[in-house]
Amino acid sequence: MRSSLSLPIMASKRPITFCRGFLLDAAPGVGPAIATATHAVLRSGGAFLVYQFSPKVKDFLTPHFESIDHDMEWWNVPPAQLYWAWKD
């Protein structure tokens, strides 16, 4: 079984342009590690799409991504937070 923490190994042959979100707030300490690993393997100009139910997930993204767009999916119950973290 592949873990989201193995992103650098999975992408070692070719950087990723787009990566969709993982459960960044699922377990303590996992969110920051996933954000770090995702930033490391994204190409310049690439995006990390994160969809979560808690806005605290942005705290995991801001140390690594300078440009972060945010929106809400109001039709979801509960409403989902959508973040596009762009690698410069």
PDB file of N, CA and C in Angstrom:
ATOM      1  N   MET A   1       0.836  -1.179   0.000  1.00  0.00           N
ATOM      2  CA  MET A   1       0.000   0.000   0.000  1.00  0.00           C
ATOM      3  C   MET A   1       0.884   1.247   0.000  1.00  0.00           C
ATOM      4  N   ARG A   2       0.556   2.191  -0.848  1.00  0.00           N
ATOM      5  CA  ARG A   2       1.317   3.429  -0.930  1.00  0.00           C
ATOM      6  C   ARG A   2       0.806   4.429   0.094  1.00  0.00           C
ATOM      7  N   SER A   3       1.713   5.141   0.665  1.00  0.00           N
ATOM      8  CA  SER A   3       1.385   6.186   1.617  1.00  0.00           C
ATOM      9  C   SER A   3       1.642   7.525   0.956  1.00  0.00           C
ATOM     10  N   SER A   4       0.856   8.515   1.343  1.00  0.00           N
ATOM     11  CA  SER A   4       1.083   9.854   0.805  1.00  0.00           C
ATOM     12  C   SER A   4       2.442  10.392   1.238  1.00  0.00           C
ATOM     13  N   LEU A   5       3.016   9.835   2.289  1.00  0.00           N
ATOM     14  CA  LEU A   5       4.333  10.273   2.727  1.00  0.00           C
ATOM     15  C   LEU A   5       5.440   9.743   1.830  1.00  0.00           C
ATOM     16  N   SER A   6       5.107   8.816   0.926  1.00  0.00           N
ATOM     17  CA  SER A   6       6.104   8.293  -0.005  1.00  0.00           C
ATOM     18  C   SER A   6       6.103   9.063  -1.322  1.00  0.00           C
ATOM     19  N   LEU A   7       5.511  10.250  -1.352  1.00  0.00           N
ATOM     20  CA  LEU A   7       5.479  11.067  -2.573  1.00  0.00           C
ATOM     21  C   LEU A   7       6.845  11.287  -3.194  1.00  0.00           C
ATOM     22  N   PRO A   8       7.886  11.634  -2.412  1.00  0.00           N
ATOM     23  CA  PRO A   8       9.188  11.841  -3.050  1.00  0.00           C
ATOM     24  C   PRO A   8       9.705  10.588  -3.758  1.00  0.00           C
ATOM     25  N   ILE A   9       9.418   9.429  -3.226  1.00  0.00           N
ATOM     26  CA  ILE A   9       9.852   8.177  -3.866  1.00  0.00           C
ATOM     27  C   ILE A   9       9.040   7.933  -5.128  1.00  0.00           C
ATOM     28  N   MET A  10       7.725   8.121  -5.069  1.00  0.00           N
ATOM     29  CA  MET A  10       6.865   7.884  -6.225  1.00  0.00           C
ATOM     30  C   MET A  10       7.178   8.850  -7.358  1.00  0.00           C
ATOM     31  N   ALA A  11       7.611  10.066  -7.044  1.00  0.00           N
ATOM     32  CA  ALA A  11       7.859  11.076  -8.069  1.00  0.00           C
ATOM     33  C   ALA A  11       9.336  11.289  -8.342  1.00  0.00           C
ATOM     34  N   SER A  12      10.162  10.361  -7.929  1.00  0.00           N
ATOM     35  CA  SER A  12      11.605  10.568  -8.072  1.00  0.00           C
ATOM     36  C   SER A  12      12.056  10.618  -9.525  1.00  0.00           C
ATOM     37  N   LYS A  13      11.307   9.997 -10.426  1.00  0.00           N
ATOM     38  CA  LYS A  13      11.695   9.988 -11.837  1.00  0.00           C
ATOM     39  C   LYS A  13      11.183  11.202 -12.594  1.00  0.00           C
ATOM     40  N   ARG A  14      10.088  11.793 -12.121  1.00  0.00           N
ATOM     41  CA  ARG A  14       9.487  12.915 -12.849  1.00  0.00           C
ATOM     42  C   ARG A  14       8.694  13.779 -11.877  1.00  0.00           C
ATOM     43  N   PRO A  15       8.976  15.080 -11.819  1.00  0.00           N
ATOM     44  CA  PRO A  15       8.213  15.955 -10.923  1.00  0.00           C
ATOM     45  C   PRO A  15       6.733  15.989 -11.299  1.00  0.00           C
ATOM     46  N   ILE A  16       5.912  16.234 -10.339  1.00  0.00           N
ATOM     47  CA  ILE A  16       4.462  16.269 -10.508  1.00  0.00           C
ATOM     48  C   ILE A  16       4.016  17.699 -10.790  1.00  0.00           C
ATOM     49  N   THR A  17       3.051  17.858 -11.711  1.00  0.00           N
ATOM     50  CA  THR A  17       2.505  19.170 -12.014  1.00  0.00           C
ATOM     51  C   THR A  17       1.266  19.458 -11.176  1.00  0.00           C
ATOM     52  N   PHE A  18       0.486  18.429 -10.866  1.00  0.00           N
ATOM     53  CA  PHE A  18      -0.757  18.612 -10.123  1.00  0.00           C
ATOM     54  C   PHE A  18      -0.917  17.459  -9.145  1.00  0.00           C
ATOM     55  N   CYS A  19      -1.292  17.766  -7.940  1.00  0.00           N
ATOM     56  CA  CYS A  19      -1.501  16.744  -6.928  1.00  0.00           C
ATOM     57  C   CYS A  19      -2.749  17.107  -6.154  1.00  0.00           C
ATOM     58  N   ARG A  20      -3.689  16.184  -6.035  1.00  0.00           N
ATOM     59  CA  ARG A  20      -4.893  16.519  -5.274  1.00  0.00           C
ATOM     60  C   ARG A  20      -4.687  16.196  -3.806  1.00  0.00           C
ATOM     61  N   GLY A  21      -5.546  16.730  -2.988  1.00  0.00           N
ATOM     62  CA  GLY A  21      -5.371  16.699  -1.543  1.00  0.00           C
ATOM     63  C   GLY A  21      -5.444  15.342  -0.887  1.00  0.00           C
ATOM     64  N   PHE A  22      -4.786  15.261   0.214  1.00  0.00           N
ATOM     65  CA  PHE A  22      -4.827  14.109   1.092  1.00  0.00           C
ATOM     66  C   PHE A  22      -5.465  14.560   2.392  1.00  0.00           C
ATOM     67  N   LEU A  23      -5.679  13.650   3.299  1.00  0.00           N
ATOM     68  CA  LEU A  23      -6.245  14.005   4.593  1.00  0.00           C
ATOM     69  C   LEU A  23      -5.169  14.637   5.464  1.00  0.00           C
ATOM     70  N   LEU A  24      -4.967  15.923   5.267  1.00  0.00           N
ATOM     71  CA  LEU A  24      -3.897  16.617   5.967  1.00  0.00           C
ATOM     72  C   LEU A  24      -4.147  16.728   7.466  1.00  0.00           C
ATOM     73  N   ASP A  25      -5.405  16.702   7.879  1.00  0.00           N
ATOM     74  CA  ASP A  25      -5.682  16.837   9.294  1.00  0.00           C
ATOM     75  C   ASP A  25      -6.104  15.507   9.925  1.00  0.00           C
ATOM     76  N   ALA A  26      -5.779  14.385   9.280  1.00  0.00           N
ATOM     77  CA  ALA A  26      -6.208  13.073   9.756  1.00  0.00           C
ATOM     78  C   ALA A  26      -5.490  12.626  11.021  1.00  0.00           C
ATOM     79  N   ALA A  27      -4.211  12.859  11.120  1.00  0.00           N
ATOM     80  CA  ALA A  27      -3.442  12.406  12.277  1.00  0.00           C
ATOM     81  C   ALA A  27      -2.405  13.466  12.633  1.00  0.00           C
ATOM     82  N   PRO A  28      -2.098  13.608  13.910  1.00  0.00           N
ATOM     83  CA  PRO A  28      -1.112  14.614  14.320  1.00  0.00           C
ATOM     84  C   PRO A  28       0.240  14.405  13.637  1.00  0.00           C
ATOM     85  N   GLY A  29       0.801  15.495  13.121  1.00  0.00           N
ATOM     86  CA  GLY A  29       2.118  15.447  12.501  1.00  0.00           C
ATOM     87  C   GLY A  29       2.130  15.024  11.049  1.00  0.00           C
ATOM     88  N   VAL A  30       1.051  14.460  10.559  1.00  0.00           N
ATOM     89  CA  VAL A  30       1.015  13.972   9.178  1.00  0.00           C
ATOM     90  C   VAL A  30       0.827  15.113   8.187  1.00  0.00           C
ATOM     91  N   GLY A  31      -0.032  16.077   8.503  1.00  0.00           N
ATOM     92  CA  GLY A  31      -0.305  17.192   7.603  1.00  0.00           C
ATOM     93  C   GLY A  31       0.933  17.962   7.193  1.00  0.00           C
ATOM     94  N   PRO A  32       1.763  18.395   8.149  1.00  0.00           N
ATOM     95  CA  PRO A  32       2.974  19.110   7.763  1.00  0.00           C
ATOM     96  C   PRO A  32       3.916  18.267   6.911  1.00  0.00           C
ATOM     97  N   ALA A  33       4.008  16.980   7.201  1.00  0.00           N
ATOM     98  CA  ALA A  33       4.884  16.096   6.419  1.00  0.00           C
ATOM     99  C   ALA A  33       4.382  15.947   4.988  1.00  0.00           C
ATOM    100  N   ILE A  34       3.077  15.843   4.813  1.00  0.00           N
ATOM    101  CA  ILE A  34       2.506  15.725   3.467  1.00  0.00           C
ATOM    102  C   ILE A  34       2.706  17.029   2.694  1.00  0.00           C
ATOM    103  N   ALA A  35       2.488  18.168   3.342  1.00  0.00           N
ATOM    104  CA  ALA A  35       2.691  19.454   2.671  1.00  0.00           C
ATOM    105  C   ALA A  35       4.145  19.621   2.245  1.00  0.00           C
ATOM    106  N   THR A  36       5.078  19.226   3.101  1.00  0.00           N
ATOM    107  CA  THR A  36       6.506  19.313   2.781  1.00  0.00           C
ATOM    108  C   THR A  36       6.849  18.419   1.603  1.00  0.00           C
ATOM    109  N   ALA A  37       6.382  17.170   1.636  1.00  0.00           N
ATOM    110  CA  ALA A  37       6.683  16.209   0.571  1.00  0.00           C
ATOM    111  C   ALA A  37       6.058  16.638  -0.749  1.00  0.00           C
ATOM    112  N   THR A  38       4.843  17.156  -0.694  1.00  0.00           N
ATOM    113  CA  THR A  38       4.166  17.584  -1.925  1.00  0.00           C
ATOM    114  C   THR A  38       4.886  18.771  -2.547  1.00  0.00           C
ATOM    115  N   HIS A  39       5.277  19.733  -1.746  1.00  0.00           N
ATOM    116  CA  HIS A  39       6.009  20.888  -2.275  1.00  0.00           C
ATOM    117  C   HIS A  39       7.311  20.441  -2.928  1.00  0.00           C
ATOM    118  N   ALA A  40       7.959  19.453  -2.344  1.00  0.00           N
ATOM    119  CA  ALA A  40       9.245  18.975  -2.875  1.00  0.00           C
ATOM    120  C   ALA A  40       9.108  18.351  -4.261  1.00  0.00           C
ATOM    121  N   VAL A  41       7.983  17.710  -4.543  1.00  0.00           N
ATOM    122  CA  VAL A  41       7.859  17.007  -5.825  1.00  0.00           C
ATOM    123  C   VAL A  41       7.083  17.774  -6.883  1.00  0.00           C
ATOM    124  N   LEU A  42       6.447  18.885  -6.526  1.00  0.00           N
ATOM    125  CA  LEU A  42       5.719  19.671  -7.522  1.00  0.00           C
ATOM    126  C   LEU A  42       6.687  20.425  -8.433  1.00  0.00           C
ATOM    127  N   ARG A  43       6.348  20.473  -9.704  1.00  0.00           N
ATOM    128  CA  ARG A  43       7.094  21.312 -10.637  1.00  0.00           C
ATOM    129  C   ARG A  43       6.793  22.770 -10.343  1.00  0.00           C
ATOM    130  N   SER A  44       7.653  23.645 -10.775  1.00  0.00           N
ATOM    131  CA  SER A  44       7.396  25.071 -10.685  1.00  0.00           C
ATOM    132  C   SER A  44       6.127  25.374 -11.477  1.00  0.00           C
ATOM    133  N   GLY A  45       5.217  26.101 -10.886  1.00  0.00           N
ATOM    134  CA  GLY A  45       3.937  26.386 -11.523  1.00  0.00           C
ATOM    135  C   GLY A  45       2.878  25.344 -11.246  1.00  0.00           C
ATOM    136  N   GLY A  46       3.252  24.263 -10.563  1.00  0.00           N
ATOM    137  CA  GLY A  46       2.319  23.191 -10.245  1.00  0.00           C
ATOM    138  C   GLY A  46       1.405  23.563  -9.088  1.00  0.00           C
ATOM    139  N   ALA A  47       0.310  22.826  -8.953  1.00  0.00           N
ATOM    140  CA  ALA A  47      -0.679  23.115  -7.921  1.00  0.00           C
ATOM    141  C   ALA A  47      -0.955  21.891  -7.066  1.00  0.00           C
ATOM    142  N   PHE A  48      -1.197  22.137  -5.801  1.00  0.00           N
ATOM    143  CA  PHE A  48      -1.609  21.125  -4.847  1.00  0.00           C
ATOM    144  C   PHE A  48      -3.022  21.492  -4.438  1.00  0.00           C
ATOM    145  N   LEU A  49      -4.016  20.709  -4.877  1.00  0.00           N
ATOM    146  CA  LEU A  49      -5.412  20.958  -4.535  1.00  0.00           C
ATOM    147  C   LEU A  49      -5.734  20.201  -3.261  1.00  0.00           C
ATOM    148  N   VAL A  50      -6.157  20.936  -2.255  1.00  0.00           N
ATOM    149  CA  VAL A  50      -6.506  20.332  -0.971  1.00  0.00           C
ATOM    150  C   VAL A  50      -7.962  20.626  -0.683  1.00  0.00           C
ATOM    151  N   TYR A  51      -8.723  19.584  -0.372  1.00  0.00           N
ATOM    152  CA  TYR A  51     -10.115  19.786   0.030  1.00  0.00           C
ATOM    153  C   TYR A  51     -10.308  19.114   1.383  1.00  0.00           C
ATOM    154  N   GLN A  52     -10.672  19.925   2.339  1.00  0.00           N
ATOM    155  CA  GLN A  52     -10.818  19.490   3.722  1.00  0.00           C
ATOM    156  C   GLN A  52     -12.049  20.167   4.318  1.00  0.00           C
ATOM    157  N   PHE A  53     -12.420  19.742   5.492  1.00  0.00           N
ATOM    158  CA  PHE A  53     -13.568  20.346   6.163  1.00  0.00           C
ATOM    159  C   PHE A  53     -13.152  21.382   7.202  1.00  0.00           C
ATOM    160  N   SER A  54     -11.892  21.453   7.510  1.00  0.00           N
ATOM    161  CA  SER A  54     -11.401  22.406   8.498  1.00  0.00           C
ATOM    162  C   SER A  54     -10.471  23.426   7.829  1.00  0.00           C
ATOM    163  N   PRO A  55     -10.659  24.703   8.116  1.00  0.00           N
ATOM    164  CA  PRO A  55      -9.768  25.707   7.535  1.00  0.00           C
ATOM    165  C   PRO A  55      -8.361  25.685   8.135  1.00  0.00           C
ATOM    166  N   LYS A  56      -8.152  24.926   9.202  1.00  0.00           N
ATOM    167  CA  LYS A  56      -6.814  24.883   9.815  1.00  0.00           C
ATOM    168  C   LYS A  56      -5.786  24.239   8.893  1.00  0.00           C
ATOM    169  N   VAL A  57      -6.232  23.563   7.853  1.00  0.00           N
ATOM    170  CA  VAL A  57      -5.310  22.923   6.923  1.00  0.00           C
ATOM    171  C   VAL A  57      -4.422  23.954   6.234  1.00  0.00           C
ATOM    172  N   LYS A  58      -4.903  25.186   6.135  1.00  0.00           N
ATOM    173  CA  LYS A  58      -4.086  26.239   5.509  1.00  0.00           C
ATOM    174  C   LYS A  58      -2.790  26.452   6.291  1.00  0.00           C
ATOM    175  N   ASP A  59      -2.824  26.201   7.587  1.00  0.00           N
ATOM    176  CA  ASP A  59      -1.614  26.341   8.411  1.00  0.00           C
ATOM    177  C   ASP A  59      -0.506  25.392   7.968  1.00  0.00           C
ATOM    178  N   PHE A  60      -0.869  24.247   7.388  1.00  0.00           N
ATOM    179  CA  PHE A  60       0.125  23.291   6.890  1.00  0.00           C
ATOM    180  C   PHE A  60       0.722  23.747   5.564  1.00  0.00           C
ATOM    181  N   LEU A  61      -0.043  24.536   4.815  1.00  0.00           N
ATOM    182  CA  LEU A  61       0.382  24.952   3.475  1.00  0.00           C
ATOM    183  C   LEU A  61       1.236  26.214   3.477  1.00  0.00           C
ATOM    184  N   THR A  62       0.919  27.167   4.354  1.00  0.00           N
ATOM    185  CA  THR A  62       1.580  28.474   4.298  1.00  0.00           C
ATOM    186  C   THR A  62       3.094  28.442   4.486  1.00  0.00           C
ATOM    187  N   PRO A  63       3.685  27.513   5.228  1.00  0.00           N
ATOM    188  CA  PRO A  63       5.151  27.518   5.306  1.00  0.00           C
ATOM    189  C   PRO A  63       5.843  27.143   3.990  1.00  0.00           C
ATOM    190  N   HIS A  64       5.109  26.506   3.069  1.00  0.00           N
ATOM    191  CA  HIS A  64       5.721  25.978   1.855  1.00  0.00           C
ATOM    192  C   HIS A  64       5.271  26.683   0.581  1.00  0.00           C
ATOM    193  N   PHE A  65       4.074  27.242   0.584  1.00  0.00           N
ATOM    194  CA  PHE A  65       3.496  27.828  -0.623  1.00  0.00           C
ATOM    195  C   PHE A  65       3.171  29.296  -0.378  1.00  0.00           C
ATOM    196  N   GLU A  66       3.710  30.176  -1.239  1.00  0.00           N
ATOM    197  CA  GLU A  66       3.445  31.604  -1.097  1.00  0.00           C
ATOM    198  C   GLU A  66       2.086  31.997  -1.665  1.00  0.00           C
ATOM    199  N   SER A  67       1.661  31.315  -2.721  1.00  0.00           N
ATOM    200  CA  SER A  67       0.398  31.642  -3.374  1.00  0.00           C
ATOM    201  C   SER A  67      -0.621  30.545  -3.092  1.00  0.00           C
ATOM    202  N   ILE A  68      -1.672  30.901  -2.348  1.00  0.00           N
ATOM    203  CA  ILE A  68      -2.715  29.938  -1.997  1.00  0.00           C
ATOM    204  C   ILE A  68      -4.070  30.566  -2.287  1.00  0.00           C
ATOM    205  N   ASP A  69      -4.847  29.918  -3.151  1.00  0.00           N
ATOM    206  CA  ASP A  69      -6.213  30.354  -3.441  1.00  0.00           C
ATOM    207  C   ASP A  69      -7.171  29.532  -2.579  1.00  0.00           C
ATOM    208  N   HIS A  70      -8.304  30.138  -2.223  1.00  0.00           N
ATOM    209  CA  HIS A  70      -9.269  29.473  -1.347  1.00  0.00           C
ATOM    210  C   HIS A  70     -10.679  29.653  -1.884  1.00  0.00           C
ATOM    211  N   ASP A  71     -11.488  28.626  -1.720  1.00  0.00           N
ATOM    212  CA  ASP A  71     -12.905  28.691  -2.057  1.00  0.00           C
ATOM    213  C   ASP A  71     -13.629  27.691  -1.169  1.00  0.00           C
ATOM    214  N   MET A  72     -14.942  27.705  -1.249  1.00  0.00           N
ATOM    215  CA  MET A  72     -15.773  26.786  -0.474  1.00  0.00           C
ATOM    216  C   MET A  72     -16.689  26.019  -1.412  1.00  0.00           C
ATOM    217  N   GLU A  73     -16.961  24.783  -1.083  1.00  0.00           N
ATOM    218  CA  GLU A  73     -17.979  23.995  -1.784  1.00  0.00           C
ATOM    219  C   GLU A  73     -19.181  23.927  -0.850  1.00  0.00           C
ATOM    220  N   TRP A  74     -20.136  24.836  -1.064  1.00  0.00           N
ATOM    221  CA  TRP A  74     -21.282  24.967  -0.158  1.00  0.00           C
ATOM    222  C   TRP A  74     -22.274  23.826  -0.298  1.00  0.00           C
ATOM    223  N   TRP A  75     -22.278  23.126  -1.436  1.00  0.00           N
ATOM    224  CA  TRP A  75     -23.217  22.027  -1.627  1.00  0.00           C
ATOM    225  C   TRP A  75     -22.829  20.795  -0.827  1.00  0.00           C
ATOM    226  N   ASN A  76     -21.583  20.733  -0.422  1.00  0.00           N
ATOM    227  CA  ASN A  76     -21.121  19.610   0.387  1.00  0.00           C
ATOM    228  C   ASN A  76     -21.640  19.776   1.823  1.00  0.00           C
ATOM    229  N   VAL A  77     -21.947  18.671   2.489  1.00  0.00           N
ATOM    230  CA  VAL A  77     -22.397  18.722   3.880  1.00  0.00           C
ATOM    231  C   VAL A  77     -21.447  17.900   4.724  1.00  0.00           C
ATOM    232  N   PRO A  78     -20.654  18.526   5.600  1.00  0.00           N
ATOM    233  CA  PRO A  78     -20.523  19.961   5.802  1.00  0.00           C
ATOM    234  C   PRO A  78     -19.774  20.608   4.641  1.00  0.00           C
ATOM    235  N   PRO A  79     -19.863  21.925   4.498  1.00  0.00           N
ATOM    236  CA  PRO A  79     -19.154  22.599   3.404  1.00  0.00           C
ATOM    237  C   PRO A  79     -17.652  22.304   3.445  1.00  0.00           C
ATOM    238  N   ALA A  80     -17.093  22.086   2.283  1.00  0.00           N
ATOM    239  CA  ALA A  80     -15.668  21.744   2.186  1.00  0.00           C
ATOM    240  C   ALA A  80     -14.847  22.991   1.889  1.00  0.00           C
ATOM    241  N   GLN A  81     -13.679  23.041   2.487  1.00  0.00           N
ATOM    242  CA  GLN A  81     -12.690  24.079   2.207  1.00  0.00           C
ATOM    243  C   GLN A  81     -11.853  23.598   1.023  1.00  0.00           C
ATOM    244  N   LEU A  82     -11.672  24.438   0.025  1.00  0.00           N
ATOM    245  CA  LEU A  82     -10.859  24.105  -1.137  1.00  0.00           C
ATOM    246  C   LEU A  82      -9.665  25.050  -1.177  1.00  0.00           C
ATOM    247  N   TYR A  83      -8.483  24.482  -1.255  1.00  0.00           N
ATOM    248  CA  TYR A  83      -7.257  25.284  -1.337  1.00  0.00           C
ATOM    249  C   TYR A  83      -6.444  24.833  -2.542  1.00  0.00           C
ATOM    250  N   TRP A  84      -5.980  25.799  -3.334  1.00  0.00           N
ATOM    251  CA  TRP A  84      -5.047  25.549  -4.410  1.00  0.00           C
ATOM    252  C   TRP A  84      -3.724  26.204  -4.001  1.00  0.00           C
ATOM    253  N   ALA A  85      -2.756  25.389  -3.662  1.00  0.00           N
ATOM    254  CA  ALA A  85      -1.451  25.895  -3.257  1.00  0.00           C
ATOM    255  C   ALA A  85      -0.531  25.791  -4.466  1.00  0.00           C
ATOM    256  N   TRP A  86      -0.016  26.922  -4.927  1.00  0.00           N
ATOM    257  CA  TRP A  86       0.783  27.006  -6.149  1.00  0.00           C
ATOM    258  C   TRP A  86       2.260  27.099  -5.833  1.00  0.00           C
ATOM    259  N   LYS A  87       3.049  26.279  -6.513  1.00  0.00           N
ATOM    260  CA  LYS A  87       4.502  26.358  -6.347  1.00  0.00           C
ATOM    261  C   LYS A  87       5.057  27.358  -7.347  1.00  0.00           C
ATOM    262  N   ASP A  88       5.797  28.348  -6.856  1.00  0.00           N
ATOM    263  CA  ASP A  88       6.368  29.381  -7.726  1.00  0.00           C
ATOM    264  C   ASP A  88       7.576  28.854  -8.478  1.00  0.00           C
TER     265      ASP A  88
END
